[in-house]
Structure formats: C-alpha cells, structure tokens
C-alpha cells in the first residue's frame, strides 16, 4: 500500500513507522515559505520608549503651565533643557532657566547675527537686553501700553548692563482732512508735540545699567519721511536729564544724531554735574555750539569723565577756549575728540596750550578744524614738554608750510614720544618722516 501511495510526484513522510503523503498531513505543507522583510531598516522590538523619557517629554510639553525644572534630578534636568522650545513666554523662563544653551537657541532663532562677545559672552544677557531694547524702540506714546516695557523690568533688571536704542518713535496723529487751502509746506504742519519714550520711568529700576546709547529718530521710515520724526524736544530733554540723574550706576552715556543744540546740552550737563560714576560722554553728530561747549567745560571739572567726544558739532573758538581752560585744572580726562568742528586757531591754540600743564590727556583729535601753522607751532612745544600725550590727529587742516623747527620737532616726537601723529591732508604735502 505504501508503494501505491508514494507516487512519482509525491514526497514521503515517515510518521510512526508509516509512510504517508505530505498532503495528508497539512493543507499548507506544500506551499513555499514566505519571507517577511521590514520596510523600516531601523525597526527593532524596543518600540516603546522608556517611561522616564515619556515623563520628561510630558514635562516639556506642559512646561508653561507647570515649570518644575528645579524639582528634577540633575540627570533629568539636562534633557529637559535641551528639549525646551525657544517660544516659551519670557515670564516663565527668565527667572528659572540659566542654561546658556537654551538662551543661545533663543537668540539665534530671533536674530540671525549674534555677537555674544559684546555681551560678556552671556547669551541670556544678550537676549534680555535686546528684548528690552526692542520693546523701547517700538513704543509709541499714547498708543503702546507702558506695562509692555515696565513688565520686563523684574525679569531683566539683574542682567541689563547696556541699552543701545537705535530709534525712538513719536506719537501717532491721524492726518487732517484737506480743506483745499494752499498750505502744504512743512512749516505749516500742525503736528503733535513730539514727545518720545520717557526714560525716567525705567532707568532708576535697572540697578546694573552702565551704558546708555540713544538716537532720537526713526529708521526705515521710507516714503513717510518727515523732519519732525527726528526731533529731540525740550520736554524729551527734561525727562532724559531727570532719568540720567537718577541712574547712579551709569558709566557711559551717548546721544548722537539727535539735534542736540546748546540749550539742550546745557540742560543735560546740569543733570550730569557731580555724577558719581559717569566716565564717558559722547555727544557726537549734533548741533552743539560754543554755549554747549562752555557747559561741557564746566562738567569736565565737576565729574570723573575720562573720555569726551564732541565730534561733528558746531564748536568754534570760544567753545574751544572754554574746553582748554577746563583742561588746565583737569586731572582725569584721557581722550578728547573734537574732530569736525570750527575751532580755528583761536580754539586750537587754547587747547594745545593747556596741554603744556595737563598731564593726563593721552589722545587728542583736532582733525578738520580749520587750524593753521599757529596751532602746530604751539603743539610742537607740547611735544617737547608733555610725555603723556600718545596720539595726536591734526589731519584735514591747513597747517601750511610748517617751519623747519616745527617739522623737526614733530619728527623727533613721532619717533621717541608719541605712538601716532597724523598730519595727513594738512594743506601741503609736507612729510614728517
């Protein structure tokens, strides 16, 4: 019987001593076995993450409602900080997160160009300072809620050391309807009183602030340009003066390109007299004349100023004499920049003669002041007697054909005493080396 069941096309299988056809054992026994190939080459049996990881992901997802960072173990805190999104509200993260990696992600996402070296290599300080600057620059008087700025103070007051404000917006006034009259000139424009953000409500609340840089103007105004957008009003000046007086930690104050004239300069200087910490004052690119220069001269001997910049103003001879008189009794100032003024020899000689007795000034810039040989002659005497002065710039003046004695003195000083003497473009091509 076994021979009959075992045909030529059948394979035999021995079961308990009896040979039976394969088809009688299993219906699928004759089919070819199929192979299962996973489409995901990284597939593994560990498809469920550990419970610890699931918990940490849940903490990150609900961090805004329940920020329990300080309650985590150090080994758990690090992965949570790596997973925190930069979009979290500042009132949640500012006082809780000190991880520099998190703040670096916040900065890079918001500002493509980031130079952390300008912020003491602190990403958190960089983010908090620039965030506060942005809030001030976008503040519109009578429109923006003041709490949008003051609300940031408790979060950033321990980190803000410098405020660099590149624009200050004026109030918004709806345009008046055209009555058909021919009065479209700028002089007949009935604009609002152009008051800007009042720093008096802010500076005294920043105990770490050391530098303040201001520009009273608007950048990127495009076709909406109007000279009134660049107006530093007297009320602005009063408010700023009070704010500066209240900020006792301020070391550097710079207000430039803001149309500061003599009247406003005197008001600011009055508030800066006897300031306990001010070391640098920059009033460059304004409209300061002799009246403002006299006020600054008074400030030199009633402060601890080490650097003064009055570049690109309208200071003439009388103002130069006032500054020169102040230098006679000054023992603190090391850098003086009076480039692009109108001192002429009246002011230039007063300043250079003061250096015969002054023993602290190291840097002097008198470029582009319409100076002549008379000032250069006095300066040659200064080089002989003053060994403190290191850098002098007299470029872009009409010194003329300086006498052989003056030229030889300058050559000697250039080699032996001063580190740099710049006499380029001085009216005639007379080399000193």
Protein backbone atom coordinates (compact mmCIF):
# COMPACT_ATOMS: atom_id res chain seq x y z
CA UNK A 1 0.00 0.00 0.00
CA UNK A 2 2.88 2.30 0.76
CA UNK A 3 4.19 1.79 -2.72
CA UNK A 4 0.83 2.77 -4.19
CA UNK A 5 0.54 5.95 -2.10
CA UNK A 6 4.08 7.01 -2.87
CA UNK A 7 3.75 8.09 -6.46
CA UNK A 8 6.44 9.58 -8.67
CA UNK A 9 5.35 13.18 -7.94
CA UNK A 10 4.83 12.81 -4.18
CA UNK A 11 7.33 13.20 -1.37
CA UNK A 12 7.03 10.81 1.51
CA UNK A 13 6.99 11.48 5.19
CA UNK A 14 7.62 8.81 7.82
CA UNK A 15 5.22 9.08 10.77
CA UNK A 16 5.25 6.40 13.48
CA UNK A 17 6.62 3.86 11.10
CA UNK A 18 4.03 4.57 8.38
CA UNK A 19 4.85 6.39 5.19
CA UNK A 20 2.09 8.95 4.34
CA UNK A 21 1.84 11.63 1.63
CA UNK A 22 2.61 15.21 2.67
CA UNK A 23 -0.81 16.42 1.54
CA UNK A 24 -2.47 14.20 4.13
CA UNK A 25 -0.53 15.87 6.98
CA UNK A 26 -1.23 19.66 6.41
CA UNK A 27 -3.04 21.61 3.69
CA UNK A 28 -0.27 24.28 3.62
CA UNK A 29 2.61 21.90 3.87
CA UNK A 30 3.29 22.01 0.15
CA UNK A 31 3.43 25.80 -0.12
CA UNK A 32 6.73 27.69 -0.30
CA UNK A 33 7.51 29.63 2.92
CA UNK A 34 7.21 33.48 2.53
CA UNK A 35 9.86 35.79 3.99
CA UNK A 36 8.80 38.97 5.87
CA UNK A 37 11.09 41.98 5.20
CA UNK A 38 10.55 45.11 7.36
CA UNK A 39 10.32 48.37 5.38
CA UNK A 40 11.99 50.31 8.21
CA UNK A 41 15.63 49.20 8.46
CA UNK A 42 15.90 50.74 11.93
CA UNK A 43 12.93 48.79 13.25
CA UNK A 44 13.52 46.94 16.46
CA UNK A 45 11.50 45.29 19.17
CA UNK A 46 12.00 48.26 21.53
CA UNK A 47 9.19 50.32 20.00
CA UNK A 48 8.02 51.77 23.32
CA UNK A 49 10.40 54.39 24.82
CA UNK A 50 11.31 54.17 28.48
CA UNK A 51 8.82 55.59 30.95
CA UNK A 52 11.41 58.15 32.10
CA UNK A 53 11.66 59.62 28.61
CA UNK A 54 7.89 59.77 28.28
CA UNK A 55 7.67 61.65 31.58
CA UNK A 56 10.35 64.14 30.54
CA UNK A 57 8.57 64.78 27.24
CA UNK A 58 5.36 65.38 29.15
CA UNK A 59 7.16 67.88 31.41
CA UNK A 60 8.44 69.78 28.37
CA UNK A 61 5.01 69.81 26.73
CA UNK A 62 3.38 71.25 29.86
CA UNK A 63 6.31 73.42 30.97
CA UNK A 64 4.42 76.69 30.53
CA UNK A 65 1.66 75.58 32.91
CA UNK A 66 3.83 73.62 35.31
CA UNK A 67 7.53 74.64 35.24
CA UNK A 68 9.03 72.15 37.70
CA UNK A 69 12.62 72.42 36.46
CA UNK A 70 14.15 72.92 39.90
CA UNK A 71 12.37 69.84 41.27
CA UNK A 72 14.03 67.50 38.78
CA UNK A 73 17.17 65.47 39.34
CA UNK A 74 20.30 66.85 37.64
CA UNK A 75 20.33 63.88 35.28
CA UNK A 76 16.76 64.68 34.23
CA UNK A 77 17.15 68.46 34.13
CA UNK A 78 19.70 68.43 31.29
CA UNK A 79 17.50 66.63 28.72
CA UNK A 80 14.54 68.84 29.65
CA UNK A 81 16.62 71.96 28.98
CA UNK A 82 17.69 70.55 25.61
CA UNK A 83 14.07 69.94 24.60
CA UNK A 84 12.60 73.27 25.80
CA UNK A 85 11.28 75.30 22.83
CA UNK A 86 12.54 78.91 22.45
CA UNK A 87 8.95 80.14 22.06
CA UNK A 88 8.16 79.84 25.78
CA UNK A 89 6.97 83.07 27.46
CA UNK A 90 9.75 85.14 28.99
CA UNK A 91 7.94 85.39 32.33
CA UNK A 92 8.27 81.60 32.61
CA UNK A 93 11.92 81.17 31.61
CA UNK A 94 13.70 84.38 32.66
CA UNK A 95 13.84 83.65 36.37
CA UNK A 96 14.05 79.89 36.06
CA UNK A 97 16.36 78.94 33.18
CA UNK A 98 20.05 79.83 33.38
CA UNK A 99 21.27 77.31 30.83
CA UNK A 100 23.31 79.15 28.17
CA UNK A 101 22.45 76.57 25.53
CA UNK A 102 18.76 77.38 25.81
CA UNK A 103 19.34 81.14 25.57
CA UNK A 104 21.65 80.64 22.62
CA UNK A 105 18.83 78.90 20.76
CA UNK A 106 16.52 81.78 21.64
CA UNK A 107 18.98 84.39 20.34
CA UNK A 108 19.90 82.60 17.12
CA UNK A 109 16.26 81.96 16.26
CA UNK A 110 15.29 85.61 16.75
CA UNK A 111 18.38 87.45 15.48
CA UNK A 112 20.48 85.78 12.77
CA UNK A 113 23.50 87.99 13.55
CA UNK A 114 24.59 87.44 17.15
CA UNK A 115 27.91 88.57 18.63
CA UNK A 116 27.83 87.27 22.18
CA UNK A 117 31.29 88.69 22.92
CA UNK A 118 29.73 92.16 23.11
CA UNK A 119 27.57 90.94 25.99
CA UNK A 120 30.20 89.45 28.25
CA UNK A 121 29.80 86.09 26.46
CA UNK A 122 26.39 85.67 28.11
CA UNK A 123 23.56 84.57 25.83
CA UNK A 124 20.97 85.23 28.49
CA UNK A 125 22.15 88.80 28.98
CA UNK A 126 22.14 89.30 25.22
CA UNK A 127 18.57 88.08 24.85
CA UNK A 128 17.18 90.10 27.77
CA UNK A 129 18.98 93.31 26.75
CA UNK A 130 17.93 93.13 23.11
CA UNK A 131 14.38 92.15 24.02
CA UNK A 132 14.07 95.23 26.24
CA UNK A 133 15.67 97.43 23.56
CA UNK A 134 13.16 96.16 21.02
CA UNK A 135 10.25 96.96 23.33
CA UNK A 136 11.51 100.54 23.80
CA UNK A 137 12.20 101.08 20.10
CA UNK A 138 8.66 100.01 19.17
CA UNK A 139 6.98 102.01 21.94
CA UNK A 140 4.52 104.59 20.59
CA UNK A 141 3.44 107.26 23.11
CA UNK A 142 -0.29 107.29 23.86
CA UNK A 143 -0.71 104.04 21.91
CA UNK A 144 1.54 101.36 23.40
CA UNK A 145 0.74 100.21 26.91
CA UNK A 146 3.59 101.26 29.21
CA UNK A 147 3.26 97.93 31.00
CA UNK A 148 4.69 96.22 27.92
CA UNK A 149 8.03 97.80 28.85
CA UNK A 150 7.83 98.00 32.63
CA UNK A 151 6.66 94.40 32.80
CA UNK A 152 10.08 93.34 31.51
CA UNK A 153 11.98 95.11 34.29
CA UNK A 154 11.58 92.45 37.03
CA UNK A 155 12.66 89.78 34.55
CA UNK A 156 15.76 91.52 33.18
CA UNK A 157 16.96 94.05 35.76
CA UNK A 158 19.76 91.79 37.01
CA UNK A 159 21.16 91.27 33.50
CA UNK A 160 20.74 94.55 31.60
CA UNK A 161 24.05 96.42 31.59
CA UNK A 162 23.71 98.30 28.32
CA UNK A 163 20.81 99.74 26.32
CA UNK A 164 21.52 100.62 22.69
CA UNK A 165 18.39 102.36 21.42
CA UNK A 166 18.66 102.99 17.67
CA UNK A 167 15.26 104.68 17.26
CA UNK A 168 12.52 106.33 19.33
CA UNK A 169 9.07 106.65 17.82
CA UNK A 170 6.97 109.83 18.17
CA UNK A 171 3.21 109.84 18.84
CA UNK A 172 0.84 109.00 16.02
CA UNK A 173 -1.55 111.63 14.77
CA UNK A 174 -4.24 110.97 12.22
CA UNK A 175 -3.86 113.19 9.12
CA UNK A 176 -6.27 116.09 8.97
CA UNK A 177 -8.74 116.40 6.13
CA UNK A 178 -7.65 118.56 3.22
CA UNK A 179 -9.64 121.81 3.27
CA UNK A 180 -8.36 122.82 -0.17
CA UNK A 181 -6.17 125.64 1.12
CA UNK A 182 -2.67 126.08 -0.29
CA UNK A 183 -0.78 125.36 2.92
CA UNK A 184 1.06 122.14 2.26
CA UNK A 185 4.52 123.24 3.34
CA UNK A 186 6.37 121.67 6.26
CA UNK A 187 6.29 124.94 8.20
CA UNK A 188 2.51 124.92 8.35
CA UNK A 189 2.36 121.29 9.54
CA UNK A 190 0.32 121.13 12.71
CA UNK A 191 1.97 118.04 14.18
CA UNK A 192 1.67 116.76 17.74
CA UNK A 193 4.18 117.59 20.43
CA UNK A 194 6.86 115.07 19.54
CA UNK A 195 7.49 113.51 22.93
CA UNK A 196 9.10 110.10 22.99
CA UNK A 197 9.55 107.30 25.49
CA UNK A 198 10.18 108.69 28.98
CA UNK A 199 13.32 107.06 30.37
CA UNK A 200 12.53 108.48 33.79
CA UNK A 201 10.17 105.57 34.47
CA UNK A 202 12.82 102.99 33.59
CA UNK A 203 16.43 103.87 34.36
CA UNK A 204 16.10 104.02 38.14
CA UNK A 205 14.70 100.47 38.05
CA UNK A 206 17.79 98.99 36.35
CA UNK A 207 20.43 98.67 39.09
CA UNK A 208 23.04 97.09 36.78
CA UNK A 209 22.81 99.58 33.89
CA UNK A 210 26.22 101.00 32.91
CA UNK A 211 25.81 102.17 29.30
CA UNK A 212 23.05 104.09 27.53
CA UNK A 213 23.18 104.85 23.79
CA UNK A 214 20.33 106.89 22.29
CA UNK A 215 19.22 108.14 18.89
CA UNK A 216 16.09 110.29 18.77
CA UNK A 217 14.98 109.39 15.28
CA UNK A 218 13.27 106.78 13.15
CA UNK A 219 14.98 104.35 10.81
CA UNK A 220 13.30 102.78 7.83
CA UNK A 221 10.59 105.45 7.54
CA UNK A 222 10.66 105.26 3.73
CA UNK A 223 8.09 107.44 1.96
CA UNK A 224 6.74 108.61 5.33
CA UNK A 225 9.88 110.67 5.91
CA UNK A 226 9.39 113.93 7.78
CA UNK A 227 11.96 116.02 9.62
CA UNK A 228 9.66 116.05 12.64
CA UNK A 229 10.35 112.35 13.08
CA UNK A 230 13.91 113.30 14.06
CA UNK A 231 13.09 115.92 16.67
CA UNK A 232 14.53 115.84 20.20
CA UNK A 233 12.13 118.12 22.05
CA UNK A 234 12.79 120.20 25.12
CA UNK A 235 10.36 118.05 27.10
CA UNK A 236 12.27 114.97 25.97
CA UNK A 237 15.46 116.61 27.18
CA UNK A 238 13.98 117.44 30.58
CA UNK A 239 12.73 113.89 31.08
CA UNK A 240 16.05 112.43 29.95
CA UNK A 241 18.01 114.68 32.29
CA UNK A 242 15.96 113.56 35.29
CA UNK A 243 16.43 109.94 34.24
CA UNK A 244 20.21 110.32 33.93
CA UNK A 245 20.43 111.92 37.33
CA UNK A 246 18.56 109.01 38.90
CA UNK A 247 20.78 106.35 37.28
CA UNK A 248 23.74 106.36 39.65
CA UNK A 249 25.44 103.35 38.05
CA UNK A 250 25.71 104.86 34.56
CA UNK A 251 29.29 104.93 33.23
CA UNK A 252 28.82 105.61 29.50
CA UNK A 253 26.23 107.96 28.01
CA UNK A 254 25.95 108.53 24.28
CA UNK A 255 23.34 110.59 22.47
CA UNK A 256 24.17 111.22 18.82
CA UNK A 257 22.39 112.22 15.61
CA UNK A 258 19.62 113.75 17.70
CA UNK A 259 19.85 117.50 17.01
CA UNK A 260 21.10 118.36 20.49
CA UNK A 261 21.69 122.12 20.50
CA UNK A 262 23.24 124.45 23.08
CA UNK A 263 20.09 124.78 25.17
CA UNK A 264 19.52 121.05 25.42
CA UNK A 265 23.22 120.41 26.01
CA UNK A 266 23.23 122.80 28.96
CA UNK A 267 20.18 121.09 30.41
CA UNK A 268 21.73 117.64 30.12
CA UNK A 269 25.04 118.82 31.57
CA UNK A 270 23.24 120.39 34.52
CA UNK A 271 21.79 116.99 35.39
CA UNK A 272 25.17 115.27 34.98
CA UNK A 273 27.17 117.57 37.27
CA UNK A 274 28.82 115.65 40.12
CA UNK A 275 27.59 112.34 38.75
CA UNK A 276 29.25 109.62 40.85
CA UNK A 277 30.06 107.09 38.12
CA UNK A 278 29.96 108.71 34.65
CA UNK A 279 33.24 108.02 32.81
CA UNK A 280 32.45 108.58 29.12
CA UNK A 281 30.27 111.18 27.38
CA UNK A 282 29.58 111.07 23.64
CA UNK A 283 27.65 113.99 22.12
CA UNK A 284 28.88 113.50 18.56
CA UNK A 285 26.95 114.39 15.39
CA UNK A 286 24.72 117.04 16.96
CA UNK A 287 24.29 120.84 16.81
CA UNK A 288 26.30 121.89 19.86
CA UNK A 289 27.99 125.29 19.63
CA UNK A 290 30.02 127.47 21.96
CA UNK A 291 27.29 127.65 24.61
CA UNK A 292 27.12 123.90 24.92
CA UNK A 293 30.92 123.64 24.87
CA UNK A 294 31.13 126.02 27.84
CA UNK A 295 28.73 123.79 29.75
CA UNK A 296 30.79 120.73 28.87
CA UNK A 297 33.92 122.53 30.04
CA UNK A 298 32.26 123.07 33.40
CA UNK A 299 31.31 119.40 33.51
CA UNK A 300 34.92 118.31 32.98
CA UNK A 301 35.92 119.62 36.40
CA UNK A 302 32.75 118.53 38.17
CA UNK A 303 32.74 114.90 37.15
CA UNK A 304 35.02 111.91 36.67
CA UNK A 305 34.91 111.97 32.87
CA UNK A 306 37.77 110.10 31.21
CA UNK A 307 36.56 110.24 27.59
CA UNK A 308 34.78 113.12 25.83
CA UNK A 309 33.57 113.04 22.23
CA UNK A 310 32.21 116.23 20.62
CA UNK A 311 32.89 115.14 17.06
CA UNK A 312 30.88 116.75 14.24
CA UNK A 313 29.29 119.68 16.05
CA UNK A 314 29.48 123.46 15.68
CA UNK A 315 32.03 124.35 18.38
CA UNK A 316 34.00 127.49 17.44
CA UNK A 317 36.87 129.39 19.00
CA UNK A 318 35.09 130.49 22.19
CA UNK A 319 33.96 126.95 22.89
CA UNK A 320 37.48 125.67 22.31
CA UNK A 321 38.82 128.23 24.76
CA UNK A 322 36.32 127.07 27.39
CA UNK A 323 37.41 123.46 26.97
CA UNK A 324 41.07 124.49 27.02
CA UNK A 325 40.54 126.42 30.25
CA UNK A 326 38.92 123.33 31.79
CA UNK A 327 41.89 121.19 30.77
CA UNK A 328 44.23 123.40 32.79
CA UNK A 329 42.71 122.15 36.04
CA UNK A 330 41.60 118.71 34.89
CA UNK A 331 43.40 115.62 36.10
CA UNK A 332 41.11 112.83 34.88
CA UNK A 333 40.36 113.20 31.14
CA UNK A 334 42.44 110.91 28.89
CA UNK A 335 40.63 111.05 25.50
CA UNK A 336 39.34 114.19 23.76
CA UNK A 337 37.78 114.11 20.28
CA UNK A 338 36.91 117.48 18.69
CA UNK A 339 37.05 116.38 15.06
CA UNK A 340 34.82 118.15 12.50
CA UNK A 341 34.24 121.39 14.41
CA UNK A 342 35.23 125.02 13.73
CA UNK A 343 37.80 125.71 16.40
CA UNK A 344 40.27 127.55 14.15
CA UNK A 345 43.45 128.79 15.78
CA UNK A 346 41.54 130.66 18.49
CA UNK A 347 40.29 127.43 19.98
CA UNK A 348 43.11 125.18 18.77
CA UNK A 349 45.81 127.21 20.47
CA UNK A 350 43.83 127.38 23.72
CA UNK A 351 43.55 123.60 23.84
CA UNK A 352 47.15 122.90 22.88
CA UNK A 353 48.50 125.49 25.33
CA UNK A 354 46.52 123.79 28.10
CA UNK A 355 48.45 120.61 27.37
CA UNK A 356 51.66 122.31 28.47
CA UNK A 357 50.46 121.80 32.05
CA UNK A 358 47.94 118.97 31.65
CA UNK A 359 49.43 115.57 32.46
CA UNK A 360 46.53 113.15 31.90
CA UNK A 361 45.38 113.56 28.28
CA UNK A 362 46.64 110.70 26.10
CA UNK A 363 44.54 111.07 22.92
CA UNK A 364 43.70 114.30 21.08
CA UNK A 365 41.82 114.58 17.77
CA UNK A 366 41.66 118.07 16.20
CA UNK A 367 41.13 116.97 12.61
CA UNK A 368 39.06 119.16 10.25
CA UNK A 369 39.01 122.28 12.46
CA UNK A 370 40.48 124.87 10.06
CA UNK A 371 43.72 125.02 12.05
CA UNK A 372 46.85 126.68 10.69
CA UNK A 373 50.55 126.86 11.44
CA UNK A 374 49.93 128.86 14.63
CA UNK A 375 48.35 125.86 16.35
CA UNK A 376 51.02 123.48 15.07
CA UNK A 377 53.73 125.73 16.49
CA UNK A 378 52.23 125.55 19.98
CA UNK A 379 51.75 121.82 19.62
CA UNK A 380 55.44 121.36 18.86
CA UNK A 381 56.19 122.90 22.27
CA UNK A 382 53.71 120.49 23.86
CA UNK A 383 55.56 117.54 22.35
CA UNK A 384 58.77 118.68 23.99
CA UNK A 385 57.30 119.14 27.48
CA UNK A 386 54.43 116.63 27.61
CA UNK A 387 55.43 112.97 27.77
CA UNK A 388 51.91 111.66 28.49
CA UNK A 389 50.32 112.52 25.14
CA UNK A 390 50.41 109.41 22.95
CA UNK A 391 48.19 110.08 19.91
CA UNK A 392 47.54 113.37 18.10
CA UNK A 393 45.48 113.78 14.94
CA UNK A 394 45.69 117.07 13.01
CA UNK A 395 44.54 115.68 9.67
CA UNK A 396 42.48 117.72 7.20
CA UNK A 397 43.71 121.11 8.46
CA UNK A 398 45.54 123.89 6.61
CA UNK A 399 48.75 123.92 8.55
CA UNK A 400 50.63 125.25 5.52
CA UNK A 401 54.39 125.09 5.08
CA UNK A 402 55.44 124.49 8.66
CA UNK A 403 58.83 125.88 9.60
CA UNK A 404 61.84 123.63 9.71
CA UNK A 405 61.97 123.81 13.50
CA UNK A 406 58.39 122.63 13.89
CA UNK A 407 58.84 119.84 11.38
CA UNK A 408 61.98 118.56 13.05
CA UNK A 409 60.27 118.62 16.44
CA UNK A 410 57.33 116.62 15.11
CA UNK A 411 59.70 114.10 13.53
CA UNK A 412 61.59 113.64 16.79
CA UNK A 413 58.44 113.29 18.85
CA UNK A 414 56.89 110.89 16.36
CA UNK A 415 59.83 108.56 16.85
CA UNK A 416 60.61 109.00 20.53
CA UNK A 417 57.48 110.06 22.42
CA UNK A 418 54.17 109.74 20.60
CA UNK A 419 52.87 106.48 19.28
CA UNK A 420 50.98 108.20 16.45
CA UNK A 421 50.98 111.67 14.88
CA UNK A 422 48.56 112.03 11.98
CA UNK A 423 49.15 115.10 9.80
CA UNK A 424 47.64 113.76 6.59
CA UNK A 425 45.98 116.22 4.21
CA UNK A 426 47.28 119.26 6.09
CA UNK A 427 47.20 121.69 3.19
CA UNK A 428 50.60 121.00 1.65
CA UNK A 429 52.32 117.73 1.00
CA UNK A 430 54.98 118.16 3.68
CA UNK A 431 56.10 114.76 5.01
CA UNK A 432 57.23 114.46 8.63
CA UNK A 433 59.22 111.25 8.15
